[in-house]
Amino acid sequence: MTVEKGLHQVGNLDVVVINRGEREGIAPGTVMAIYKRGGKIRDRVTGESVLLPDERAGVLMVFRVFDKVSLGLVLEAYRGISVSDYVQNP
């Protein structure tokens, strides 16, 4: 997911670009969930590295679709959404 004008954070009613389009079956009106990747932490008891689950960060609706990319409008942002976040079906 990227944002125009070089921004790194987005919120409600911002337009984002996603790297999925018609060839992946995306159509205008498609609603997708935005997820933040889970981080790695160190378990204090065992000392092992633990991968945290991904967290849902918001919802977007696709309004313009091209062959390889789409434009989406962020409808809800539960927490800060950044360029490195990803989208998938809710």
PDB file of N, CA and C in Angstrom:
ATOM      1  N   MET A   1       0.845  -1.163   0.000  1.00  0.00           N
ATOM      2  CA  MET A   1       0.000   0.000   0.000  1.00  0.00           C
ATOM      3  C   MET A   1       0.896   1.233   0.000  1.00  0.00           C
ATOM      4  N   THR A   2       0.592   2.187  -0.844  1.00  0.00           N
ATOM      5  CA  THR A   2       1.331   3.450  -0.885  1.00  0.00           C
ATOM      6  C   THR A   2       0.352   4.616  -0.850  1.00  0.00           C
ATOM      7  N   VAL A   3       0.905   5.796  -0.648  1.00  0.00           N
ATOM      8  CA  VAL A   3       0.098   7.001  -0.563  1.00  0.00           C
ATOM      9  C   VAL A   3       0.725   8.057  -1.459  1.00  0.00           C
ATOM     10  N   GLU A   4      -0.110   8.852  -2.108  1.00  0.00           N
ATOM     11  CA  GLU A   4       0.409   9.928  -2.938  1.00  0.00           C
ATOM     12  C   GLU A   4       1.090  10.992  -2.092  1.00  0.00           C
ATOM     13  N   LYS A   5       1.922  11.805  -2.701  1.00  0.00           N
ATOM     14  CA  LYS A   5       2.612  12.943  -2.097  1.00  0.00           C
ATOM     15  C   LYS A   5       3.655  12.546  -1.064  1.00  0.00           C
ATOM     16  N   GLY A   6       4.099  11.292  -1.075  1.00  0.00           N
ATOM     17  CA  GLY A   6       5.192  10.880  -0.201  1.00  0.00           C
ATOM     18  C   GLY A   6       4.850  10.760   1.264  1.00  0.00           C
ATOM     19  N   LEU A   7       3.573  10.684   1.615  1.00  0.00           N
ATOM     20  CA  LEU A   7       3.193  10.535   3.019  1.00  0.00           C
ATOM     21  C   LEU A   7       3.494   9.122   3.503  1.00  0.00           C
ATOM     22  N   HIS A   8       3.665   8.978   4.820  1.00  0.00           N
ATOM     23  CA  HIS A   8       3.945   7.657   5.380  1.00  0.00           C
ATOM     24  C   HIS A   8       2.820   7.152   6.263  1.00  0.00           C
ATOM     25  N   GLN A   9       1.946   8.037   6.730  1.00  0.00           N
ATOM     26  CA  GLN A   9       0.821   7.665   7.580  1.00  0.00           C
ATOM     27  C   GLN A   9      -0.468   8.139   6.922  1.00  0.00           C
ATOM     28  N   VAL A  10      -1.542   7.357   7.075  1.00  0.00           N
ATOM     29  CA  VAL A  10      -2.837   7.749   6.531  1.00  0.00           C
ATOM     30  C   VAL A  10      -3.914   7.558   7.590  1.00  0.00           C
ATOM     31  N   GLY A  11      -5.057   8.170   7.357  1.00  0.00           N
ATOM     32  CA  GLY A  11      -6.180   8.062   8.278  1.00  0.00           C
ATOM     33  C   GLY A  11      -7.487   8.017   7.513  1.00  0.00           C
ATOM     34  N   ASN A  12      -8.570   8.330   8.199  1.00  0.00           N
ATOM     35  CA  ASN A  12      -9.905   8.312   7.588  1.00  0.00           C
ATOM     36  C   ASN A  12      -9.970   9.223   6.368  1.00  0.00           C
ATOM     37  N   LEU A  13     -10.625   8.728   5.328  1.00  0.00           N
ATOM     38  CA  LEU A  13     -10.907   9.451   4.084  1.00  0.00           C
ATOM     39  C   LEU A  13      -9.668   9.813   3.276  1.00  0.00           C
ATOM     40  N   ASP A  14      -8.548   9.131   3.520  1.00  0.00           N
ATOM     41  CA  ASP A  14      -7.362   9.293   2.673  1.00  0.00           C
ATOM     42  C   ASP A  14      -7.423   8.282   1.532  1.00  0.00           C
ATOM     43  N   VAL A  15      -6.843   8.645   0.405  1.00  0.00           N
ATOM     44  CA  VAL A  15      -6.782   7.765  -0.758  1.00  0.00           C
ATOM     45  C   VAL A  15      -5.449   7.040  -0.753  1.00  0.00           C
ATOM     46  N   VAL A  16      -5.496   5.713  -0.959  1.00  0.00           N
ATOM     47  CA  VAL A  16      -4.284   4.907  -1.001  1.00  0.00           C
ATOM     48  C   VAL A  16      -4.241   4.123  -2.305  1.00  0.00           C
ATOM     49  N   VAL A  17      -3.047   3.697  -2.677  1.00  0.00           N
ATOM     50  CA  VAL A  17      -2.836   2.878  -3.863  1.00  0.00           C
ATOM     51  C   VAL A  17      -2.435   1.484  -3.395  1.00  0.00           C
ATOM     52  N   ILE A  18      -3.109   0.461  -3.912  1.00  0.00           N
ATOM     53  CA  ILE A  18      -2.737  -0.915  -3.570  1.00  0.00           C
ATOM     54  C   ILE A  18      -2.267  -1.624  -4.836  1.00  0.00           C
ATOM     55  N   ASN A  19      -1.372  -2.574  -4.645  1.00  0.00           N
ATOM     56  CA  ASN A  19      -0.763  -3.243  -5.794  1.00  0.00           C
ATOM     57  C   ASN A  19      -1.555  -4.479  -6.236  1.00  0.00           C
ATOM     58  N   ARG A  20      -2.853  -4.362  -6.276  1.00  0.00           N
ATOM     59  CA  ARG A  20      -3.744  -5.400  -6.788  1.00  0.00           C
ATOM     60  C   ARG A  20      -4.736  -4.720  -7.722  1.00  0.00           C
ATOM     61  N   GLY A  21      -5.117  -5.415  -8.807  1.00  0.00           N
ATOM     62  CA  GLY A  21      -6.029  -4.815  -9.768  1.00  0.00           C
ATOM     63  C   GLY A  21      -6.966  -5.830 -10.383  1.00  0.00           C
ATOM     64  N   GLU A  22      -7.397  -5.554 -11.616  1.00  0.00           N
ATOM     65  CA  GLU A  22      -8.332  -6.432 -12.313  1.00  0.00           C
ATOM     66  C   GLU A  22      -7.808  -7.840 -12.466  1.00  0.00           C
ATOM     67  N   ARG A  23      -6.521  -7.992 -12.692  1.00  0.00           N
ATOM     68  CA  ARG A  23      -5.985  -9.343 -12.901  1.00  0.00           C
ATOM     69  C   ARG A  23      -6.092 -10.210 -11.644  1.00  0.00           C
ATOM     70  N   GLU A  24      -6.241  -9.588 -10.465  1.00  0.00           N
ATOM     71  CA  GLU A  24      -6.443 -10.342  -9.224  1.00  0.00           C
ATOM     72  C   GLU A  24      -7.922 -10.408  -8.831  1.00  0.00           C
ATOM     73  N   GLY A  25      -8.799  -9.881  -9.677  1.00  0.00           N
ATOM     74  CA  GLY A  25     -10.230  -9.950  -9.428  1.00  0.00           C
ATOM     75  C   GLY A  25     -10.794  -8.816  -8.597  1.00  0.00           C
ATOM     76  N   ILE A  26     -10.036  -7.727  -8.433  1.00  0.00           N
ATOM     77  CA  ILE A  26     -10.529  -6.571  -7.691  1.00  0.00           C
ATOM     78  C   ILE A  26     -11.483  -5.784  -8.586  1.00  0.00           C
ATOM     79  N   ALA A  27     -12.593  -5.322  -8.013  1.00  0.00           N
ATOM     80  CA  ALA A  27     -13.576  -4.532  -8.757  1.00  0.00           C
ATOM     81  C   ALA A  27     -13.937  -3.295  -7.938  1.00  0.00           C
ATOM     82  N   PRO A  28     -14.407  -2.237  -8.598  1.00  0.00           N
ATOM     83  CA  PRO A  28     -14.859  -1.061  -7.850  1.00  0.00           C
ATOM     84  C   PRO A  28     -15.955  -1.464  -6.859  1.00  0.00           C
ATOM     85  N   GLY A  29     -15.871  -0.913  -5.652  1.00  0.00           N
ATOM     86  CA  GLY A  29     -16.832  -1.243  -4.613  1.00  0.00           C
ATOM     87  C   GLY A  29     -16.367  -2.346  -3.681  1.00  0.00           C
ATOM     88  N   THR A  30     -15.245  -2.988  -3.999  1.00  0.00           N
ATOM     89  CA  THR A  30     -14.708  -4.036  -3.137  1.00  0.00           C
ATOM     90  C   THR A  30     -14.266  -3.427  -1.812  1.00  0.00           C
ATOM     91  N   VAL A  31     -14.702  -4.028  -0.719  1.00  0.00           N
ATOM     92  CA  VAL A  31     -14.311  -3.575   0.617  1.00  0.00           C
ATOM     93  C   VAL A  31     -13.218  -4.501   1.130  1.00  0.00           C
ATOM     94  N   MET A  32     -12.134  -3.928   1.618  1.00  0.00           N
ATOM     95  CA  MET A  32     -10.994  -4.712   2.093  1.00  0.00           C
ATOM     96  C   MET A  32     -10.575  -4.233   3.476  1.00  0.00           C
ATOM     97  N   ALA A  33     -10.045  -5.147   4.267  1.00  0.00           N
ATOM     98  CA  ALA A  33      -9.528  -4.810   5.590  1.00  0.00           C
ATOM     99  C   ALA A  33      -8.050  -4.479   5.479  1.00  0.00           C
ATOM    100  N   ILE A  34      -7.604  -3.531   6.281  1.00  0.00           N
ATOM    101  CA  ILE A  34      -6.196  -3.140   6.329  1.00  0.00           C
ATOM    102  C   ILE A  34      -5.588  -3.760   7.580  1.00  0.00           C
ATOM    103  N   TYR A  35      -4.434  -4.412   7.432  1.00  0.00           N
ATOM    104  CA  TYR A  35      -3.779  -5.089   8.551  1.00  0.00           C
ATOM    105  C   TYR A  35      -2.361  -4.574   8.755  1.00  0.00           C
ATOM    106  N   LYS A  36      -1.970  -4.484  10.025  1.00  0.00           N
ATOM    107  CA  LYS A  36      -0.583  -4.190  10.401  1.00  0.00           C
ATOM    108  C   LYS A  36       0.090  -5.520  10.694  1.00  0.00           C
ATOM    109  N   ARG A  37       1.292  -5.686  10.223  1.00  0.00           N
ATOM    110  CA  ARG A  37       2.029  -6.927  10.479  1.00  0.00           C
ATOM    111  C   ARG A  37       2.427  -7.018  11.947  1.00  0.00           C
ATOM    112  N   GLY A  38       2.315  -8.212  12.478  1.00  0.00           N
ATOM    113  CA  GLY A  38       2.713  -8.437  13.863  1.00  0.00           C
ATOM    114  C   GLY A  38       4.223  -8.382  14.011  1.00  0.00           C
ATOM    115  N   GLY A  39       4.672  -7.875  15.111  1.00  0.00           N
ATOM    116  CA  GLY A  39       6.108  -7.757  15.353  1.00  0.00           C
ATOM    117  C   GLY A  39       6.677  -8.996  16.033  1.00  0.00           C
ATOM    118  N   LYS A  40       7.964  -8.981  16.222  1.00  0.00           N
ATOM    119  CA  LYS A  40       8.636 -10.060  16.945  1.00  0.00           C
ATOM    120  C   LYS A  40       9.037  -9.532  18.311  1.00  0.00           C
ATOM    121  N   ILE A  41       8.770 -10.343  19.311  1.00  0.00           N
ATOM    122  CA  ILE A  41       9.203 -10.001  20.662  1.00  0.00           C
ATOM    123  C   ILE A  41       9.944 -11.187  21.246  1.00  0.00           C
ATOM    124  N   ARG A  42      10.637 -10.935  22.308  1.00  0.00           N
ATOM    125  CA  ARG A  42      11.372 -12.004  22.978  1.00  0.00           C
ATOM    126  C   ARG A  42      10.582 -12.452  24.206  1.00  0.00           C
ATOM    127  N   ASP A  43      10.332 -13.746  24.295  1.00  0.00           N
ATOM    128  CA  ASP A  43       9.629 -14.316  25.439  1.00  0.00           C
ATOM    129  C   ASP A  43      10.537 -14.230  26.657  1.00  0.00           C
ATOM    130  N   ARG A  44      10.058 -13.592  27.723  1.00  0.00           N
ATOM    131  CA  ARG A  44      10.890 -13.401  28.916  1.00  0.00           C
ATOM    132  C   ARG A  44      11.174 -14.712  29.648  1.00  0.00           C
ATOM    133  N   VAL A  45      10.279 -15.669  29.522  1.00  0.00           N
ATOM    134  CA  VAL A  45      10.448 -16.937  30.244  1.00  0.00           C
ATOM    135  C   VAL A  45      11.394 -17.878  29.510  1.00  0.00           C
ATOM    136  N   THR A  46      11.130 -18.110  28.222  1.00  0.00           N
ATOM    137  CA  THR A  46      11.928 -19.075  27.467  1.00  0.00           C
ATOM    138  C   THR A  46      13.105 -18.440  26.737  1.00  0.00           C
ATOM    139  N   GLY A  47      13.028 -17.128  26.496  1.00  0.00           N
ATOM    140  CA  GLY A  47      14.090 -16.448  25.762  1.00  0.00           C
ATOM    141  C   GLY A  47      13.974 -16.595  24.255  1.00  0.00           C
ATOM    142  N   GLU A  48      12.940 -17.279  23.784  1.00  0.00           N
ATOM    143  CA  GLU A  48      12.760 -17.490  22.347  1.00  0.00           C
ATOM    144  C   GLU A  48      12.068 -16.284  21.714  1.00  0.00           C
ATOM    145  N   SER A  49      12.246 -16.143  20.420  1.00  0.00           N
ATOM    146  CA  SER A  49      11.592 -15.085  19.659  1.00  0.00           C
ATOM    147  C   SER A  49      10.176 -15.537  19.309  1.00  0.00           C
ATOM    148  N   VAL A  50       9.188 -14.671  19.549  1.00  0.00           N
ATOM    149  CA  VAL A  50       7.787 -14.995  19.304  1.00  0.00           C
ATOM    150  C   VAL A  50       7.227 -13.982  18.304  1.00  0.00           C
ATOM    151  N   LEU A  51       6.522 -14.480  17.284  1.00  0.00           N
ATOM    152  CA  LEU A  51       5.901 -13.621  16.279  1.00  0.00           C
ATOM    153  C   LEU A  51       4.472 -13.312  16.718  1.00  0.00           C
ATOM    154  N   LEU A  52       4.155 -12.035  16.885  1.00  0.00           N
ATOM    155  CA  LEU A  52       2.813 -11.612  17.272  1.00  0.00           C
ATOM    156  C   LEU A  52       1.878 -11.669  16.068  1.00  0.00           C
ATOM    157  N   PRO A  53       0.586 -11.895  16.289  1.00  0.00           N
ATOM    158  CA  PRO A  53      -0.357 -11.950  15.157  1.00  0.00           C
ATOM    159  C   PRO A  53      -0.557 -10.578  14.526  1.00  0.00           C
ATOM    160  N   ASP A  54      -0.977 -10.575  13.258  1.00  0.00           N
ATOM    161  CA  ASP A  54      -1.295  -9.333  12.564  1.00  0.00           C
ATOM    162  C   ASP A  54      -2.541  -8.723  13.187  1.00  0.00           C
ATOM    163  N   GLU A  55      -2.616  -7.377  13.188  1.00  0.00           N
ATOM    164  CA  GLU A  55      -3.742  -6.670  13.780  1.00  0.00           C
ATOM    165  C   GLU A  55      -4.494  -5.882  12.716  1.00  0.00           C
ATOM    166  N   ARG A  56      -5.802  -5.915  12.809  1.00  0.00           N
ATOM    167  CA  ARG A  56      -6.627  -5.153  11.869  1.00  0.00           C
ATOM    168  C   ARG A  56      -6.522  -3.669  12.222  1.00  0.00           C
ATOM    169  N   ALA A  57      -6.218  -2.853  11.216  1.00  0.00           N
ATOM    170  CA  ALA A  57      -5.996  -1.431  11.451  1.00  0.00           C
ATOM    171  C   ALA A  57      -7.060  -0.544  10.820  1.00  0.00           C
ATOM    172  N   GLY A  58      -7.880  -1.089   9.925  1.00  0.00           N
ATOM    173  CA  GLY A  58      -8.894  -0.265   9.293  1.00  0.00           C
ATOM    174  C   GLY A  58      -9.602  -0.981   8.161  1.00  0.00           C
ATOM    175  N   VAL A  59     -10.413  -0.205   7.431  1.00  0.00           N
ATOM    176  CA  VAL A  59     -11.203  -0.718   6.311  1.00  0.00           C
ATOM    177  C   VAL A  59     -11.107   0.272   5.161  1.00  0.00           C
ATOM    178  N   LEU A  60     -11.000  -0.243   3.939  1.00  0.00           N
ATOM    179  CA  LEU A  60     -11.015   0.635   2.768  1.00  0.00           C
ATOM    180  C   LEU A  60     -11.963   0.096   1.716  1.00  0.00           C
ATOM    181  N   MET A  61     -12.393   0.988   0.824  1.00  0.00           N
ATOM    182  CA  MET A  61     -13.228   0.599  -0.302  1.00  0.00           C
ATOM    183  C   MET A  61     -12.526   1.004  -1.586  1.00  0.00           C
ATOM    184  N   VAL A  62     -12.419   0.079  -2.503  1.00  0.00           N
ATOM    185  CA  VAL A  62     -11.787   0.343  -3.792  1.00  0.00           C
ATOM    186  C   VAL A  62     -12.770   1.131  -4.657  1.00  0.00           C
ATOM    187  N   PHE A  63     -12.296   2.242  -5.243  1.00  0.00           N
ATOM    188  CA  PHE A  63     -13.179   3.042  -6.092  1.00  0.00           C
ATOM    189  C   PHE A  63     -12.687   3.161  -7.526  1.00  0.00           C
ATOM    190  N   ARG A  64     -11.448   2.812  -7.796  1.00  0.00           N
ATOM    191  CA  ARG A  64     -10.918   2.862  -9.163  1.00  0.00           C
ATOM    192  C   ARG A  64      -9.968   1.694  -9.346  1.00  0.00           C
ATOM    193  N   VAL A  65     -10.141   0.943 -10.430  1.00  0.00           N
ATOM    194  CA  VAL A  65      -9.349  -0.265 -10.667  1.00  0.00           C
ATOM    195  C   VAL A  65      -8.670  -0.178 -12.020  1.00  0.00           C
ATOM    196  N   PHE A  66      -7.397  -0.516 -12.042  1.00  0.00           N
ATOM    197  CA  PHE A  66      -6.630  -0.647 -13.274  1.00  0.00           C
ATOM    198  C   PHE A  66      -6.171  -2.098 -13.366  1.00  0.00           C
ATOM    199  N   ASP A  67      -5.393  -2.438 -14.377  1.00  0.00           N
ATOM    200  CA  ASP A  67      -4.970  -3.824 -14.561  1.00  0.00           C
ATOM    201  C   ASP A  67      -4.143  -4.345 -13.384  1.00  0.00           C
ATOM    202  N   LYS A  68      -3.169  -3.556 -12.914  1.00  0.00           N
ATOM    203  CA  LYS A  68      -2.251  -4.024 -11.877  1.00  0.00           C
ATOM    204  C   LYS A  68      -2.347  -3.271 -10.552  1.00  0.00           C
ATOM    205  N   VAL A  69      -3.037  -2.147 -10.500  1.00  0.00           N
ATOM    206  CA  VAL A  69      -3.158  -1.357  -9.269  1.00  0.00           C
ATOM    207  C   VAL A  69      -4.596  -0.877  -9.105  1.00  0.00           C
ATOM    208  N   SER A  70      -4.923  -0.484  -7.868  1.00  0.00           N
ATOM    209  CA  SER A  70      -6.246   0.058  -7.567  1.00  0.00           C
ATOM    210  C   SER A  70      -6.114   1.224  -6.611  1.00  0.00           C
ATOM    211  N   LEU A  71      -7.111   2.097  -6.625  1.00  0.00           N
ATOM    212  CA  LEU A  71      -7.187   3.200  -5.687  1.00  0.00           C
ATOM    213  C   LEU A  71      -8.295   2.894  -4.689  1.00  0.00           C
ATOM    214  N   GLY A  72      -7.999   3.126  -3.409  1.00  0.00           N
ATOM    215  CA  GLY A  72      -8.978   2.863  -2.372  1.00  0.00           C
ATOM    216  C   GLY A  72      -9.123   4.031  -1.431  1.00  0.00           C
ATOM    217  N   LEU A  73     -10.303   4.180  -0.849  1.00  0.00           N
ATOM    218  CA  LEU A  73     -10.604   5.225   0.112  1.00  0.00           C
ATOM    219  C   LEU A  73     -10.683   4.588   1.492  1.00  0.00           C
ATOM    220  N   VAL A  74      -9.887   5.088   2.431  1.00  0.00           N
ATOM    221  CA  VAL A  74      -9.903   4.558   3.794  1.00  0.00           C
ATOM    222  C   VAL A  74     -11.195   5.020   4.461  1.00  0.00           C
ATOM    223  N   LEU A  75     -12.057   4.070   4.803  1.00  0.00           N
ATOM    224  CA  LEU A  75     -13.335   4.388   5.433  1.00  0.00           C
ATOM    225  C   LEU A  75     -13.218   4.462   6.947  1.00  0.00           C
ATOM    226  N   GLU A  76     -12.436   3.581   7.533  1.00  0.00           N
ATOM    227  CA  GLU A  76     -12.228   3.555   8.979  1.00  0.00           C
ATOM    228  C   GLU A  76     -10.764   3.267   9.271  1.00  0.00           C
ATOM    229  N   ALA A  77     -10.225   3.967  10.242  1.00  0.00           N
ATOM    230  CA  ALA A  77      -8.855   3.718  10.690  1.00  0.00           C
ATOM    231  C   ALA A  77      -8.905   3.559  12.207  1.00  0.00           C
ATOM    232  N   TYR A  78      -8.652   2.350  12.690  1.00  0.00           N
ATOM    233  CA  TYR A  78      -8.696   2.077  14.126  1.00  0.00           C
ATOM    234  C   TYR A  78      -7.419   2.511  14.817  1.00  0.00           C
ATOM    235  N   ARG A  79      -6.340   2.536  14.090  1.00  0.00           N
ATOM    236  CA  ARG A  79      -5.022   2.939  14.586  1.00  0.00           C
ATOM    237  C   ARG A  79      -4.260   3.516  13.408  1.00  0.00           C
ATOM    238  N   GLY A  80      -3.074   4.025  13.643  1.00  0.00           N
ATOM    239  CA  GLY A  80      -2.280   4.605  12.559  1.00  0.00           C
ATOM    240  C   GLY A  80      -2.018   3.596  11.453  1.00  0.00           C
ATOM    241  N   ILE A  81      -2.275   3.990  10.227  1.00  0.00           N
ATOM    242  CA  ILE A  81      -2.050   3.127   9.070  1.00  0.00           C
ATOM    243  C   ILE A  81      -0.829   3.650   8.337  1.00  0.00           C
ATOM    244  N   SER A  82       0.096   2.761   8.025  1.00  0.00           N
ATOM    245  CA  SER A  82       1.317   3.189   7.357  1.00  0.00           C
ATOM    246  C   SER A  82       1.461   2.501   6.006  1.00  0.00           C
ATOM    247  N   VAL A  83       2.430   2.951   5.248  1.00  0.00           N
ATOM    248  CA  VAL A  83       2.654   2.466   3.896  1.00  0.00           C
ATOM    249  C   VAL A  83       2.948   0.967   3.865  1.00  0.00           C
ATOM    250  N   SER A  84       3.582   0.433   4.867  1.00  0.00           N
ATOM    251  CA  SER A  84       3.967  -0.981   4.850  1.00  0.00           C
ATOM    252  C   SER A  84       2.834  -1.931   5.223  1.00  0.00           C
ATOM    253  N   ASP A  85       1.659  -1.421   5.576  1.00  0.00           N
ATOM    254  CA  ASP A  85       0.534  -2.278   5.923  1.00  0.00           C
ATOM    255  C   ASP A  85      -0.019  -2.946   4.665  1.00  0.00           C
ATOM    256  N   TYR A  86      -0.802  -3.997   4.848  1.00  0.00           N
ATOM    257  CA  TYR A  86      -1.327  -4.726   3.707  1.00  0.00           C
ATOM    258  C   TYR A  86      -2.852  -4.849   3.808  1.00  0.00           C
ATOM    259  N   VAL A  87      -3.476  -5.183   2.674  1.00  0.00           N
ATOM    260  CA  VAL A  87      -4.936  -5.336   2.626  1.00  0.00           C
ATOM    261  C   VAL A  87      -5.284  -6.760   2.221  1.00  0.00           C
ATOM    262  N   GLN A  88      -6.457  -7.190   2.676  1.00  0.00           N
ATOM    263  CA  GLN A  88      -7.004  -8.481   2.256  1.00  0.00           C
ATOM    264  C   GLN A  88      -8.503  -8.465   2.525  1.00  0.00           C
ATOM    265  N   ASN A  89      -9.202  -9.473   2.023  1.00  0.00           N
ATOM    266  CA  ASN A  89     -10.637  -9.541   2.259  1.00  0.00           C
ATOM    267  C   ASN A  89     -10.900  -9.676   3.753  1.00  0.00           C
ATOM    268  N   PRO A  90     -11.932  -8.972   4.251  1.00  0.00           N
ATOM    269  CA  PRO A  90     -12.206  -9.015   5.700  1.00  0.00           C
ATOM    270  C   PRO A  90     -12.700 -10.368   6.184  1.00  0.00           C
TER     271      PRO A  90
END
